[in-house]
Amino acid sequence: REAGIPVWVTVIRTVEEAFTSLARM
């Protein structure tokens, strides 16, 4: 990020979070 590169960090601990997180990503 300090080098100016956008980094998208996922938080996935459950199957339901996977669906929501991947769609947003």
PDBML (XML) file of the C-alpha atoms, coordinates in Angstrom:
<?xml version="1.0" encoding="UTF-8" ?>
<PDBx:datablock datablockName="MODEL"
   xmlns:PDBx="http://pdbml.pdb.org/schema/pdbx-v50.xsd"
   xmlns:xsi="http://www.w3.org/2001/XMLSchema-instance"
   xsi:schemaLocation="http://pdbml.pdb.org/schema/pdbx-v50.xsd pdbx-v50.xsd">
   <PDBx:atom_siteCategory>
      <PDBx:atom_site id="1">
         <PDBx:B_iso_or_equiv>0.00</PDBx:B_iso_or_equiv>
         <PDBx:Cartn_x>0.000</PDBx:Cartn_x>
         <PDBx:Cartn_y>0.000</PDBx:Cartn_y>
         <PDBx:Cartn_z>0.000</PDBx:Cartn_z>
         <PDBx:auth_asym_id>A</PDBx:auth_asym_id>
         <PDBx:auth_atom_id>CA</PDBx:auth_atom_id>
         <PDBx:auth_comp_id>ARG</PDBx:auth_comp_id>
         <PDBx:auth_seq_id>1</PDBx:auth_seq_id>
         <PDBx:group_PDB>ATOM</PDBx:group_PDB>
         <PDBx:label_alt_id xsi:nil="true" />
         <PDBx:label_asym_id>A</PDBx:label_asym_id>
         <PDBx:label_atom_id>CA</PDBx:label_atom_id>
         <PDBx:label_comp_id>ARG</PDBx:label_comp_id>
         <PDBx:label_entity_id>1</PDBx:label_entity_id>
         <PDBx:label_seq_id>1</PDBx:label_seq_id>
         <PDBx:occupancy>1.00</PDBx:occupancy>
         <PDBx:pdbx_PDB_model_num>1</PDBx:pdbx_PDB_model_num>
         <PDBx:type_symbol>C</PDBx:type_symbol>
      </PDBx:atom_site>
      <PDBx:atom_site id="2">
         <PDBx:B_iso_or_equiv>0.00</PDBx:B_iso_or_equiv>
         <PDBx:Cartn_x>2.864</PDBx:Cartn_x>
         <PDBx:Cartn_y>2.377</PDBx:Cartn_y>
         <PDBx:Cartn_z>0.767</PDBx:Cartn_z>
         <PDBx:auth_asym_id>A</PDBx:auth_asym_id>
         <PDBx:auth_atom_id>CA</PDBx:auth_atom_id>
         <PDBx:auth_comp_id>GLU</PDBx:auth_comp_id>
         <PDBx:auth_seq_id>2</PDBx:auth_seq_id>
         <PDBx:group_PDB>ATOM</PDBx:group_PDB>
         <PDBx:label_alt_id xsi:nil="true" />
         <PDBx:label_asym_id>A</PDBx:label_asym_id>
         <PDBx:label_atom_id>CA</PDBx:label_atom_id>
         <PDBx:label_comp_id>GLU</PDBx:label_comp_id>
         <PDBx:label_entity_id>1</PDBx:label_entity_id>
         <PDBx:label_seq_id>2</PDBx:label_seq_id>
         <PDBx:occupancy>1.00</PDBx:occupancy>
         <PDBx:pdbx_PDB_model_num>1</PDBx:pdbx_PDB_model_num>
         <PDBx:type_symbol>C</PDBx:type_symbol>
      </PDBx:atom_site>
      <PDBx:atom_site id="3">
         <PDBx:B_iso_or_equiv>0.00</PDBx:B_iso_or_equiv>
         <PDBx:Cartn_x>4.134</PDBx:Cartn_x>
         <PDBx:Cartn_y>1.662</PDBx:Cartn_y>
         <PDBx:Cartn_z>-2.740</PDBx:Cartn_z>
         <PDBx:auth_asym_id>A</PDBx:auth_asym_id>
         <PDBx:auth_atom_id>CA</PDBx:auth_atom_id>
         <PDBx:auth_comp_id>ALA</PDBx:auth_comp_id>
         <PDBx:auth_seq_id>3</PDBx:auth_seq_id>
         <PDBx:group_PDB>ATOM</PDBx:group_PDB>
         <PDBx:label_alt_id xsi:nil="true" />
         <PDBx:label_asym_id>A</PDBx:label_asym_id>
         <PDBx:label_atom_id>CA</PDBx:label_atom_id>
         <PDBx:label_comp_id>ALA</PDBx:label_comp_id>
         <PDBx:label_entity_id>1</PDBx:label_entity_id>
         <PDBx:label_seq_id>3</PDBx:label_seq_id>
         <PDBx:occupancy>1.00</PDBx:occupancy>
         <PDBx:pdbx_PDB_model_num>1</PDBx:pdbx_PDB_model_num>
         <PDBx:type_symbol>C</PDBx:type_symbol>
      </PDBx:atom_site>
      <PDBx:atom_site id="4">
         <PDBx:B_iso_or_equiv>0.00</PDBx:B_iso_or_equiv>
         <PDBx:Cartn_x>0.829</PDBx:Cartn_x>
         <PDBx:Cartn_y>2.949</PDBx:Cartn_y>
         <PDBx:Cartn_z>-4.088</PDBx:Cartn_z>
         <PDBx:auth_asym_id>A</PDBx:auth_asym_id>
         <PDBx:auth_atom_id>CA</PDBx:auth_atom_id>
         <PDBx:auth_comp_id>GLY</PDBx:auth_comp_id>
         <PDBx:auth_seq_id>4</PDBx:auth_seq_id>
         <PDBx:group_PDB>ATOM</PDBx:group_PDB>
         <PDBx:label_alt_id xsi:nil="true" />
         <PDBx:label_asym_id>A</PDBx:label_asym_id>
         <PDBx:label_atom_id>CA</PDBx:label_atom_id>
         <PDBx:label_comp_id>GLY</PDBx:label_comp_id>
         <PDBx:label_entity_id>1</PDBx:label_entity_id>
         <PDBx:label_seq_id>4</PDBx:label_seq_id>
         <PDBx:occupancy>1.00</PDBx:occupancy>
         <PDBx:pdbx_PDB_model_num>1</PDBx:pdbx_PDB_model_num>
         <PDBx:type_symbol>C</PDBx:type_symbol>
      </PDBx:atom_site>
      <PDBx:atom_site id="5">
         <PDBx:B_iso_or_equiv>0.00</PDBx:B_iso_or_equiv>
         <PDBx:Cartn_x>-0.701</PDBx:Cartn_x>
         <PDBx:Cartn_y>-0.450</PDBx:Cartn_y>
         <PDBx:Cartn_z>-4.901</PDBx:Cartn_z>
         <PDBx:auth_asym_id>A</PDBx:auth_asym_id>
         <PDBx:auth_atom_id>CA</PDBx:auth_atom_id>
         <PDBx:auth_comp_id>ILE</PDBx:auth_comp_id>
         <PDBx:auth_seq_id>5</PDBx:auth_seq_id>
         <PDBx:group_PDB>ATOM</PDBx:group_PDB>
         <PDBx:label_alt_id xsi:nil="true" />
         <PDBx:label_asym_id>A</PDBx:label_asym_id>
         <PDBx:label_atom_id>CA</PDBx:label_atom_id>
         <PDBx:label_comp_id>ILE</PDBx:label_comp_id>
         <PDBx:label_entity_id>1</PDBx:label_entity_id>
         <PDBx:label_seq_id>5</PDBx:label_seq_id>
         <PDBx:occupancy>1.00</PDBx:occupancy>
         <PDBx:pdbx_PDB_model_num>1</PDBx:pdbx_PDB_model_num>
         <PDBx:type_symbol>C</PDBx:type_symbol>
      </PDBx:atom_site>
      <PDBx:atom_site id="6">
         <PDBx:B_iso_or_equiv>0.00</PDBx:B_iso_or_equiv>
         <PDBx:Cartn_x>-4.346</PDBx:Cartn_x>
         <PDBx:Cartn_y>-1.027</PDBx:Cartn_y>
         <PDBx:Cartn_z>-3.935</PDBx:Cartn_z>
         <PDBx:auth_asym_id>A</PDBx:auth_asym_id>
         <PDBx:auth_atom_id>CA</PDBx:auth_atom_id>
         <PDBx:auth_comp_id>PRO</PDBx:auth_comp_id>
         <PDBx:auth_seq_id>6</PDBx:auth_seq_id>
         <PDBx:group_PDB>ATOM</PDBx:group_PDB>
         <PDBx:label_alt_id xsi:nil="true" />
         <PDBx:label_asym_id>A</PDBx:label_asym_id>
         <PDBx:label_atom_id>CA</PDBx:label_atom_id>
         <PDBx:label_comp_id>PRO</PDBx:label_comp_id>
         <PDBx:label_entity_id>1</PDBx:label_entity_id>
         <PDBx:label_seq_id>6</PDBx:label_seq_id>
         <PDBx:occupancy>1.00</PDBx:occupancy>
         <PDBx:pdbx_PDB_model_num>1</PDBx:pdbx_PDB_model_num>
         <PDBx:type_symbol>C</PDBx:type_symbol>
      </PDBx:atom_site>
      <PDBx:atom_site id="7">
         <PDBx:B_iso_or_equiv>0.00</PDBx:B_iso_or_equiv>
         <PDBx:Cartn_x>-4.623</PDBx:Cartn_x>
         <PDBx:Cartn_y>-4.141</PDBx:Cartn_y>
         <PDBx:Cartn_z>-1.746</PDBx:Cartn_z>
         <PDBx:auth_asym_id>A</PDBx:auth_asym_id>
         <PDBx:auth_atom_id>CA</PDBx:auth_atom_id>
         <PDBx:auth_comp_id>VAL</PDBx:auth_comp_id>
         <PDBx:auth_seq_id>7</PDBx:auth_seq_id>
         <PDBx:group_PDB>ATOM</PDBx:group_PDB>
         <PDBx:label_alt_id xsi:nil="true" />
         <PDBx:label_asym_id>A</PDBx:label_asym_id>
         <PDBx:label_atom_id>CA</PDBx:label_atom_id>
         <PDBx:label_comp_id>VAL</PDBx:label_comp_id>
         <PDBx:label_entity_id>1</PDBx:label_entity_id>
         <PDBx:label_seq_id>7</PDBx:label_seq_id>
         <PDBx:occupancy>1.00</PDBx:occupancy>
         <PDBx:pdbx_PDB_model_num>1</PDBx:pdbx_PDB_model_num>
         <PDBx:type_symbol>C</PDBx:type_symbol>
      </PDBx:atom_site>
      <PDBx:atom_site id="8">
         <PDBx:B_iso_or_equiv>0.00</PDBx:B_iso_or_equiv>
         <PDBx:Cartn_x>-7.984</PDBx:Cartn_x>
         <PDBx:Cartn_y>-5.778</PDBx:Cartn_y>
         <PDBx:Cartn_z>-1.069</PDBx:Cartn_z>
         <PDBx:auth_asym_id>A</PDBx:auth_asym_id>
         <PDBx:auth_atom_id>CA</PDBx:auth_atom_id>
         <PDBx:auth_comp_id>TRP</PDBx:auth_comp_id>
         <PDBx:auth_seq_id>8</PDBx:auth_seq_id>
         <PDBx:group_PDB>ATOM</PDBx:group_PDB>
         <PDBx:label_alt_id xsi:nil="true" />
         <PDBx:label_asym_id>A</PDBx:label_asym_id>
         <PDBx:label_atom_id>CA</PDBx:label_atom_id>
         <PDBx:label_comp_id>TRP</PDBx:label_comp_id>
         <PDBx:label_entity_id>1</PDBx:label_entity_id>
         <PDBx:label_seq_id>8</PDBx:label_seq_id>
         <PDBx:occupancy>1.00</PDBx:occupancy>
         <PDBx:pdbx_PDB_model_num>1</PDBx:pdbx_PDB_model_num>
         <PDBx:type_symbol>C</PDBx:type_symbol>
      </PDBx:atom_site>
      <PDBx:atom_site id="9">
         <PDBx:B_iso_or_equiv>0.00</PDBx:B_iso_or_equiv>
         <PDBx:Cartn_x>-7.906</PDBx:Cartn_x>
         <PDBx:Cartn_y>-7.962</PDBx:Cartn_y>
         <PDBx:Cartn_z>2.067</PDBx:Cartn_z>
         <PDBx:auth_asym_id>A</PDBx:auth_asym_id>
         <PDBx:auth_atom_id>CA</PDBx:auth_atom_id>
         <PDBx:auth_comp_id>VAL</PDBx:auth_comp_id>
         <PDBx:auth_seq_id>9</PDBx:auth_seq_id>
         <PDBx:group_PDB>ATOM</PDBx:group_PDB>
         <PDBx:label_alt_id xsi:nil="true" />
         <PDBx:label_asym_id>A</PDBx:label_asym_id>
         <PDBx:label_atom_id>CA</PDBx:label_atom_id>
         <PDBx:label_comp_id>VAL</PDBx:label_comp_id>
         <PDBx:label_entity_id>1</PDBx:label_entity_id>
         <PDBx:label_seq_id>9</PDBx:label_seq_id>
         <PDBx:occupancy>1.00</PDBx:occupancy>
         <PDBx:pdbx_PDB_model_num>1</PDBx:pdbx_PDB_model_num>
         <PDBx:type_symbol>C</PDBx:type_symbol>
      </PDBx:atom_site>
      <PDBx:atom_site id="10">
         <PDBx:B_iso_or_equiv>0.00</PDBx:B_iso_or_equiv>
         <PDBx:Cartn_x>-10.547</PDBx:Cartn_x>
         <PDBx:Cartn_y>-10.638</PDBx:Cartn_y>
         <PDBx:Cartn_z>2.582</PDBx:Cartn_z>
         <PDBx:auth_asym_id>A</PDBx:auth_asym_id>
         <PDBx:auth_atom_id>CA</PDBx:auth_atom_id>
         <PDBx:auth_comp_id>THR</PDBx:auth_comp_id>
         <PDBx:auth_seq_id>10</PDBx:auth_seq_id>
         <PDBx:group_PDB>ATOM</PDBx:group_PDB>
         <PDBx:label_alt_id xsi:nil="true" />
         <PDBx:label_asym_id>A</PDBx:label_asym_id>
         <PDBx:label_atom_id>CA</PDBx:label_atom_id>
         <PDBx:label_comp_id>THR</PDBx:label_comp_id>
         <PDBx:label_entity_id>1</PDBx:label_entity_id>
         <PDBx:label_seq_id>10</PDBx:label_seq_id>
         <PDBx:occupancy>1.00</PDBx:occupancy>
         <PDBx:pdbx_PDB_model_num>1</PDBx:pdbx_PDB_model_num>
         <PDBx:type_symbol>C</PDBx:type_symbol>
      </PDBx:atom_site>
      <PDBx:atom_site id="11">
         <PDBx:B_iso_or_equiv>0.00</PDBx:B_iso_or_equiv>
         <PDBx:Cartn_x>-11.765</PDBx:Cartn_x>
         <PDBx:Cartn_y>-12.001</PDBx:Cartn_y>
         <PDBx:Cartn_z>5.917</PDBx:Cartn_z>
         <PDBx:auth_asym_id>A</PDBx:auth_asym_id>
         <PDBx:auth_atom_id>CA</PDBx:auth_atom_id>
         <PDBx:auth_comp_id>VAL</PDBx:auth_comp_id>
         <PDBx:auth_seq_id>11</PDBx:auth_seq_id>
         <PDBx:group_PDB>ATOM</PDBx:group_PDB>
         <PDBx:label_alt_id xsi:nil="true" />
         <PDBx:label_asym_id>A</PDBx:label_asym_id>
         <PDBx:label_atom_id>CA</PDBx:label_atom_id>
         <PDBx:label_comp_id>VAL</PDBx:label_comp_id>
         <PDBx:label_entity_id>1</PDBx:label_entity_id>
         <PDBx:label_seq_id>11</PDBx:label_seq_id>
         <PDBx:occupancy>1.00</PDBx:occupancy>
         <PDBx:pdbx_PDB_model_num>1</PDBx:pdbx_PDB_model_num>
         <PDBx:type_symbol>C</PDBx:type_symbol>
      </PDBx:atom_site>
      <PDBx:atom_site id="12">
         <PDBx:B_iso_or_equiv>0.00</PDBx:B_iso_or_equiv>
         <PDBx:Cartn_x>-13.297</PDBx:Cartn_x>
         <PDBx:Cartn_y>-15.457</PDBx:Cartn_y>
         <PDBx:Cartn_z>5.455</PDBx:Cartn_z>
         <PDBx:auth_asym_id>A</PDBx:auth_asym_id>
         <PDBx:auth_atom_id>CA</PDBx:auth_atom_id>
         <PDBx:auth_comp_id>ILE</PDBx:auth_comp_id>
         <PDBx:auth_seq_id>12</PDBx:auth_seq_id>
         <PDBx:group_PDB>ATOM</PDBx:group_PDB>
         <PDBx:label_alt_id xsi:nil="true" />
         <PDBx:label_asym_id>A</PDBx:label_asym_id>
         <PDBx:label_atom_id>CA</PDBx:label_atom_id>
         <PDBx:label_comp_id>ILE</PDBx:label_comp_id>
         <PDBx:label_entity_id>1</PDBx:label_entity_id>
         <PDBx:label_seq_id>12</PDBx:label_seq_id>
         <PDBx:occupancy>1.00</PDBx:occupancy>
         <PDBx:pdbx_PDB_model_num>1</PDBx:pdbx_PDB_model_num>
         <PDBx:type_symbol>C</PDBx:type_symbol>
      </PDBx:atom_site>
      <PDBx:atom_site id="13">
         <PDBx:B_iso_or_equiv>0.00</PDBx:B_iso_or_equiv>
         <PDBx:Cartn_x>-13.969</PDBx:Cartn_x>
         <PDBx:Cartn_y>-17.710</PDBx:Cartn_y>
         <PDBx:Cartn_z>8.448</PDBx:Cartn_z>
         <PDBx:auth_asym_id>A</PDBx:auth_asym_id>
         <PDBx:auth_atom_id>CA</PDBx:auth_atom_id>
         <PDBx:auth_comp_id>ARG</PDBx:auth_comp_id>
         <PDBx:auth_seq_id>13</PDBx:auth_seq_id>
         <PDBx:group_PDB>ATOM</PDBx:group_PDB>
         <PDBx:label_alt_id xsi:nil="true" />
         <PDBx:label_asym_id>A</PDBx:label_asym_id>
         <PDBx:label_atom_id>CA</PDBx:label_atom_id>
         <PDBx:label_comp_id>ARG</PDBx:label_comp_id>
         <PDBx:label_entity_id>1</PDBx:label_entity_id>
         <PDBx:label_seq_id>13</PDBx:label_seq_id>
         <PDBx:occupancy>1.00</PDBx:occupancy>
         <PDBx:pdbx_PDB_model_num>1</PDBx:pdbx_PDB_model_num>
         <PDBx:type_symbol>C</PDBx:type_symbol>
      </PDBx:atom_site>
      <PDBx:atom_site id="14">
         <PDBx:B_iso_or_equiv>0.00</PDBx:B_iso_or_equiv>
         <PDBx:Cartn_x>-17.265</PDBx:Cartn_x>
         <PDBx:Cartn_y>-19.301</PDBx:Cartn_y>
         <PDBx:Cartn_z>7.431</PDBx:Cartn_z>
         <PDBx:auth_asym_id>A</PDBx:auth_asym_id>
         <PDBx:auth_atom_id>CA</PDBx:auth_atom_id>
         <PDBx:auth_comp_id>THR</PDBx:auth_comp_id>
         <PDBx:auth_seq_id>14</PDBx:auth_seq_id>
         <PDBx:group_PDB>ATOM</PDBx:group_PDB>
         <PDBx:label_alt_id xsi:nil="true" />
         <PDBx:label_asym_id>A</PDBx:label_asym_id>
         <PDBx:label_atom_id>CA</PDBx:label_atom_id>
         <PDBx:label_comp_id>THR</PDBx:label_comp_id>
         <PDBx:label_entity_id>1</PDBx:label_entity_id>
         <PDBx:label_seq_id>14</PDBx:label_seq_id>
         <PDBx:occupancy>1.00</PDBx:occupancy>
         <PDBx:pdbx_PDB_model_num>1</PDBx:pdbx_PDB_model_num>
         <PDBx:type_symbol>C</PDBx:type_symbol>
      </PDBx:atom_site>
      <PDBx:atom_site id="15">
         <PDBx:B_iso_or_equiv>0.00</PDBx:B_iso_or_equiv>
         <PDBx:Cartn_x>-18.971</PDBx:Cartn_x>
         <PDBx:Cartn_y>-20.547</PDBx:Cartn_y>
         <PDBx:Cartn_z>4.293</PDBx:Cartn_z>
         <PDBx:auth_asym_id>A</PDBx:auth_asym_id>
         <PDBx:auth_atom_id>CA</PDBx:auth_atom_id>
         <PDBx:auth_comp_id>VAL</PDBx:auth_comp_id>
         <PDBx:auth_seq_id>15</PDBx:auth_seq_id>
         <PDBx:group_PDB>ATOM</PDBx:group_PDB>
         <PDBx:label_alt_id xsi:nil="true" />
         <PDBx:label_asym_id>A</PDBx:label_asym_id>
         <PDBx:label_atom_id>CA</PDBx:label_atom_id>
         <PDBx:label_comp_id>VAL</PDBx:label_comp_id>
         <PDBx:label_entity_id>1</PDBx:label_entity_id>
         <PDBx:label_seq_id>15</PDBx:label_seq_id>
         <PDBx:occupancy>1.00</PDBx:occupancy>
         <PDBx:pdbx_PDB_model_num>1</PDBx:pdbx_PDB_model_num>
         <PDBx:type_symbol>C</PDBx:type_symbol>
      </PDBx:atom_site>
      <PDBx:atom_site id="16">
         <PDBx:B_iso_or_equiv>0.00</PDBx:B_iso_or_equiv>
         <PDBx:Cartn_x>-21.446</PDBx:Cartn_x>
         <PDBx:Cartn_y>-17.669</PDBx:Cartn_y>
         <PDBx:Cartn_z>4.487</PDBx:Cartn_z>
         <PDBx:auth_asym_id>A</PDBx:auth_asym_id>
         <PDBx:auth_atom_id>CA</PDBx:auth_atom_id>
         <PDBx:auth_comp_id>GLU</PDBx:auth_comp_id>
         <PDBx:auth_seq_id>16</PDBx:auth_seq_id>
         <PDBx:group_PDB>ATOM</PDBx:group_PDB>
         <PDBx:label_alt_id xsi:nil="true" />
         <PDBx:label_asym_id>A</PDBx:label_asym_id>
         <PDBx:label_atom_id>CA</PDBx:label_atom_id>
         <PDBx:label_comp_id>GLU</PDBx:label_comp_id>
         <PDBx:label_entity_id>1</PDBx:label_entity_id>
         <PDBx:label_seq_id>16</PDBx:label_seq_id>
         <PDBx:occupancy>1.00</PDBx:occupancy>
         <PDBx:pdbx_PDB_model_num>1</PDBx:pdbx_PDB_model_num>
         <PDBx:type_symbol>C</PDBx:type_symbol>
      </PDBx:atom_site>
      <PDBx:atom_site id="17">
         <PDBx:B_iso_or_equiv>0.00</PDBx:B_iso_or_equiv>
         <PDBx:Cartn_x>-18.608</PDBx:Cartn_x>
         <PDBx:Cartn_y>-15.155</PDBx:Cartn_y>
         <PDBx:Cartn_z>4.770</PDBx:Cartn_z>
         <PDBx:auth_asym_id>A</PDBx:auth_asym_id>
         <PDBx:auth_atom_id>CA</PDBx:auth_atom_id>
         <PDBx:auth_comp_id>GLU</PDBx:auth_comp_id>
         <PDBx:auth_seq_id>17</PDBx:auth_seq_id>
         <PDBx:group_PDB>ATOM</PDBx:group_PDB>
         <PDBx:label_alt_id xsi:nil="true" />
         <PDBx:label_asym_id>A</PDBx:label_asym_id>
         <PDBx:label_atom_id>CA</PDBx:label_atom_id>
         <PDBx:label_comp_id>GLU</PDBx:label_comp_id>
         <PDBx:label_entity_id>1</PDBx:label_entity_id>
         <PDBx:label_seq_id>17</PDBx:label_seq_id>
         <PDBx:occupancy>1.00</PDBx:occupancy>
         <PDBx:pdbx_PDB_model_num>1</PDBx:pdbx_PDB_model_num>
         <PDBx:type_symbol>C</PDBx:type_symbol>
      </PDBx:atom_site>
      <PDBx:atom_site id="18">
         <PDBx:B_iso_or_equiv>0.00</PDBx:B_iso_or_equiv>
         <PDBx:Cartn_x>-17.050</PDBx:Cartn_x>
         <PDBx:Cartn_y>-16.720</PDBx:Cartn_y>
         <PDBx:Cartn_z>1.683</PDBx:Cartn_z>
         <PDBx:auth_asym_id>A</PDBx:auth_asym_id>
         <PDBx:auth_atom_id>CA</PDBx:auth_atom_id>
         <PDBx:auth_comp_id>ALA</PDBx:auth_comp_id>
         <PDBx:auth_seq_id>18</PDBx:auth_seq_id>
         <PDBx:group_PDB>ATOM</PDBx:group_PDB>
         <PDBx:label_alt_id xsi:nil="true" />
         <PDBx:label_asym_id>A</PDBx:label_asym_id>
         <PDBx:label_atom_id>CA</PDBx:label_atom_id>
         <PDBx:label_comp_id>ALA</PDBx:label_comp_id>
         <PDBx:label_entity_id>1</PDBx:label_entity_id>
         <PDBx:label_seq_id>18</PDBx:label_seq_id>
         <PDBx:occupancy>1.00</PDBx:occupancy>
         <PDBx:pdbx_PDB_model_num>1</PDBx:pdbx_PDB_model_num>
         <PDBx:type_symbol>C</PDBx:type_symbol>
      </PDBx:atom_site>
      <PDBx:atom_site id="19">
         <PDBx:B_iso_or_equiv>0.00</PDBx:B_iso_or_equiv>
         <PDBx:Cartn_x>-20.146</PDBx:Cartn_x>
         <PDBx:Cartn_y>-16.021</PDBx:Cartn_y>
         <PDBx:Cartn_z>-0.401</PDBx:Cartn_z>
         <PDBx:auth_asym_id>A</PDBx:auth_asym_id>
         <PDBx:auth_atom_id>CA</PDBx:auth_atom_id>
         <PDBx:auth_comp_id>PHE</PDBx:auth_comp_id>
         <PDBx:auth_seq_id>19</PDBx:auth_seq_id>
         <PDBx:group_PDB>ATOM</PDBx:group_PDB>
         <PDBx:label_alt_id xsi:nil="true" />
         <PDBx:label_asym_id>A</PDBx:label_asym_id>
         <PDBx:label_atom_id>CA</PDBx:label_atom_id>
         <PDBx:label_comp_id>PHE</PDBx:label_comp_id>
         <PDBx:label_entity_id>1</PDBx:label_entity_id>
         <PDBx:label_seq_id>19</PDBx:label_seq_id>
         <PDBx:occupancy>1.00</PDBx:occupancy>
         <PDBx:pdbx_PDB_model_num>1</PDBx:pdbx_PDB_model_num>
         <PDBx:type_symbol>C</PDBx:type_symbol>
      </PDBx:atom_site>
      <PDBx:atom_site id="20">
         <PDBx:B_iso_or_equiv>0.00</PDBx:B_iso_or_equiv>
         <PDBx:Cartn_x>-20.415</PDBx:Cartn_x>
         <PDBx:Cartn_y>-12.420</PDBx:Cartn_y>
         <PDBx:Cartn_z>0.789</PDBx:Cartn_z>
         <PDBx:auth_asym_id>A</PDBx:auth_asym_id>
         <PDBx:auth_atom_id>CA</PDBx:auth_atom_id>
         <PDBx:auth_comp_id>THR</PDBx:auth_comp_id>
         <PDBx:auth_seq_id>20</PDBx:auth_seq_id>
         <PDBx:group_PDB>ATOM</PDBx:group_PDB>
         <PDBx:label_alt_id xsi:nil="true" />
         <PDBx:label_asym_id>A</PDBx:label_asym_id>
         <PDBx:label_atom_id>CA</PDBx:label_atom_id>
         <PDBx:label_comp_id>THR</PDBx:label_comp_id>
         <PDBx:label_entity_id>1</PDBx:label_entity_id>
         <PDBx:label_seq_id>20</PDBx:label_seq_id>
         <PDBx:occupancy>1.00</PDBx:occupancy>
         <PDBx:pdbx_PDB_model_num>1</PDBx:pdbx_PDB_model_num>
         <PDBx:type_symbol>C</PDBx:type_symbol>
      </PDBx:atom_site>
      <PDBx:atom_site id="21">
         <PDBx:B_iso_or_equiv>0.00</PDBx:B_iso_or_equiv>
         <PDBx:Cartn_x>-16.702</PDBx:Cartn_x>
         <PDBx:Cartn_y>-11.670</PDBx:Cartn_y>
         <PDBx:Cartn_z>0.676</PDBx:Cartn_z>
         <PDBx:auth_asym_id>A</PDBx:auth_asym_id>
         <PDBx:auth_atom_id>CA</PDBx:auth_atom_id>
         <PDBx:auth_comp_id>SER</PDBx:auth_comp_id>
         <PDBx:auth_seq_id>21</PDBx:auth_seq_id>
         <PDBx:group_PDB>ATOM</PDBx:group_PDB>
         <PDBx:label_alt_id xsi:nil="true" />
         <PDBx:label_asym_id>A</PDBx:label_asym_id>
         <PDBx:label_atom_id>CA</PDBx:label_atom_id>
         <PDBx:label_comp_id>SER</PDBx:label_comp_id>
         <PDBx:label_entity_id>1</PDBx:label_entity_id>
         <PDBx:label_seq_id>21</PDBx:label_seq_id>
         <PDBx:occupancy>1.00</PDBx:occupancy>
         <PDBx:pdbx_PDB_model_num>1</PDBx:pdbx_PDB_model_num>
         <PDBx:type_symbol>C</PDBx:type_symbol>
      </PDBx:atom_site>
      <PDBx:atom_site id="22">
         <PDBx:B_iso_or_equiv>0.00</PDBx:B_iso_or_equiv>
         <PDBx:Cartn_x>-16.104</PDBx:Cartn_x>
         <PDBx:Cartn_y>-13.117</PDBx:Cartn_y>
         <PDBx:Cartn_z>-2.792</PDBx:Cartn_z>
         <PDBx:auth_asym_id>A</PDBx:auth_asym_id>
         <PDBx:auth_atom_id>CA</PDBx:auth_atom_id>
         <PDBx:auth_comp_id>LEU</PDBx:auth_comp_id>
         <PDBx:auth_seq_id>22</PDBx:auth_seq_id>
         <PDBx:group_PDB>ATOM</PDBx:group_PDB>
         <PDBx:label_alt_id xsi:nil="true" />
         <PDBx:label_asym_id>A</PDBx:label_asym_id>
         <PDBx:label_atom_id>CA</PDBx:label_atom_id>
         <PDBx:label_comp_id>LEU</PDBx:label_comp_id>
         <PDBx:label_entity_id>1</PDBx:label_entity_id>
         <PDBx:label_seq_id>22</PDBx:label_seq_id>
         <PDBx:occupancy>1.00</PDBx:occupancy>
         <PDBx:pdbx_PDB_model_num>1</PDBx:pdbx_PDB_model_num>
         <PDBx:type_symbol>C</PDBx:type_symbol>
      </PDBx:atom_site>
      <PDBx:atom_site id="23">
         <PDBx:B_iso_or_equiv>0.00</PDBx:B_iso_or_equiv>
         <PDBx:Cartn_x>-19.083</PDBx:Cartn_x>
         <PDBx:Cartn_y>-11.274</PDBx:Cartn_y>
         <PDBx:Cartn_z>-4.277</PDBx:Cartn_z>
         <PDBx:auth_asym_id>A</PDBx:auth_asym_id>
         <PDBx:auth_atom_id>CA</PDBx:auth_atom_id>
         <PDBx:auth_comp_id>ALA</PDBx:auth_comp_id>
         <PDBx:auth_seq_id>23</PDBx:auth_seq_id>
         <PDBx:group_PDB>ATOM</PDBx:group_PDB>
         <PDBx:label_alt_id xsi:nil="true" />
         <PDBx:label_asym_id>A</PDBx:label_asym_id>
         <PDBx:label_atom_id>CA</PDBx:label_atom_id>
         <PDBx:label_comp_id>ALA</PDBx:label_comp_id>
         <PDBx:label_entity_id>1</PDBx:label_entity_id>
         <PDBx:label_seq_id>23</PDBx:label_seq_id>
         <PDBx:occupancy>1.00</PDBx:occupancy>
         <PDBx:pdbx_PDB_model_num>1</PDBx:pdbx_PDB_model_num>
         <PDBx:type_symbol>C</PDBx:type_symbol>
      </PDBx:atom_site>
      <PDBx:atom_site id="24">
         <PDBx:B_iso_or_equiv>0.00</PDBx:B_iso_or_equiv>
         <PDBx:Cartn_x>-17.799</PDBx:Cartn_x>
         <PDBx:Cartn_y>-7.991</PDBx:Cartn_y>
         <PDBx:Cartn_z>-2.830</PDBx:Cartn_z>
         <PDBx:auth_asym_id>A</PDBx:auth_asym_id>
         <PDBx:auth_atom_id>CA</PDBx:auth_atom_id>
         <PDBx:auth_comp_id>ARG</PDBx:auth_comp_id>
         <PDBx:auth_seq_id>24</PDBx:auth_seq_id>
         <PDBx:group_PDB>ATOM</PDBx:group_PDB>
         <PDBx:label_alt_id xsi:nil="true" />
         <PDBx:label_asym_id>A</PDBx:label_asym_id>
         <PDBx:label_atom_id>CA</PDBx:label_atom_id>
         <PDBx:label_comp_id>ARG</PDBx:label_comp_id>
         <PDBx:label_entity_id>1</PDBx:label_entity_id>
         <PDBx:label_seq_id>24</PDBx:label_seq_id>
         <PDBx:occupancy>1.00</PDBx:occupancy>
         <PDBx:pdbx_PDB_model_num>1</PDBx:pdbx_PDB_model_num>
         <PDBx:type_symbol>C</PDBx:type_symbol>
      </PDBx:atom_site>
      <PDBx:atom_site id="25">
         <PDBx:B_iso_or_equiv>0.00</PDBx:B_iso_or_equiv>
         <PDBx:Cartn_x>-14.262</PDBx:Cartn_x>
         <PDBx:Cartn_y>-8.726</PDBx:Cartn_y>
         <PDBx:Cartn_z>-3.998</PDBx:Cartn_z>
         <PDBx:auth_asym_id>A</PDBx:auth_asym_id>
         <PDBx:auth_atom_id>CA</PDBx:auth_atom_id>
         <PDBx:auth_comp_id>MET</PDBx:auth_comp_id>
         <PDBx:auth_seq_id>25</PDBx:auth_seq_id>
         <PDBx:group_PDB>ATOM</PDBx:group_PDB>
         <PDBx:label_alt_id xsi:nil="true" />
         <PDBx:label_asym_id>A</PDBx:label_asym_id>
         <PDBx:label_atom_id>CA</PDBx:label_atom_id>
         <PDBx:label_comp_id>MET</PDBx:label_comp_id>
         <PDBx:label_entity_id>1</PDBx:label_entity_id>
         <PDBx:label_seq_id>25</PDBx:label_seq_id>
         <PDBx:occupancy>1.00</PDBx:occupancy>
         <PDBx:pdbx_PDB_model_num>1</PDBx:pdbx_PDB_model_num>
         <PDBx:type_symbol>C</PDBx:type_symbol>
      </PDBx:atom_site>
   </PDBx:atom_siteCategory>
</PDBx:datablock>
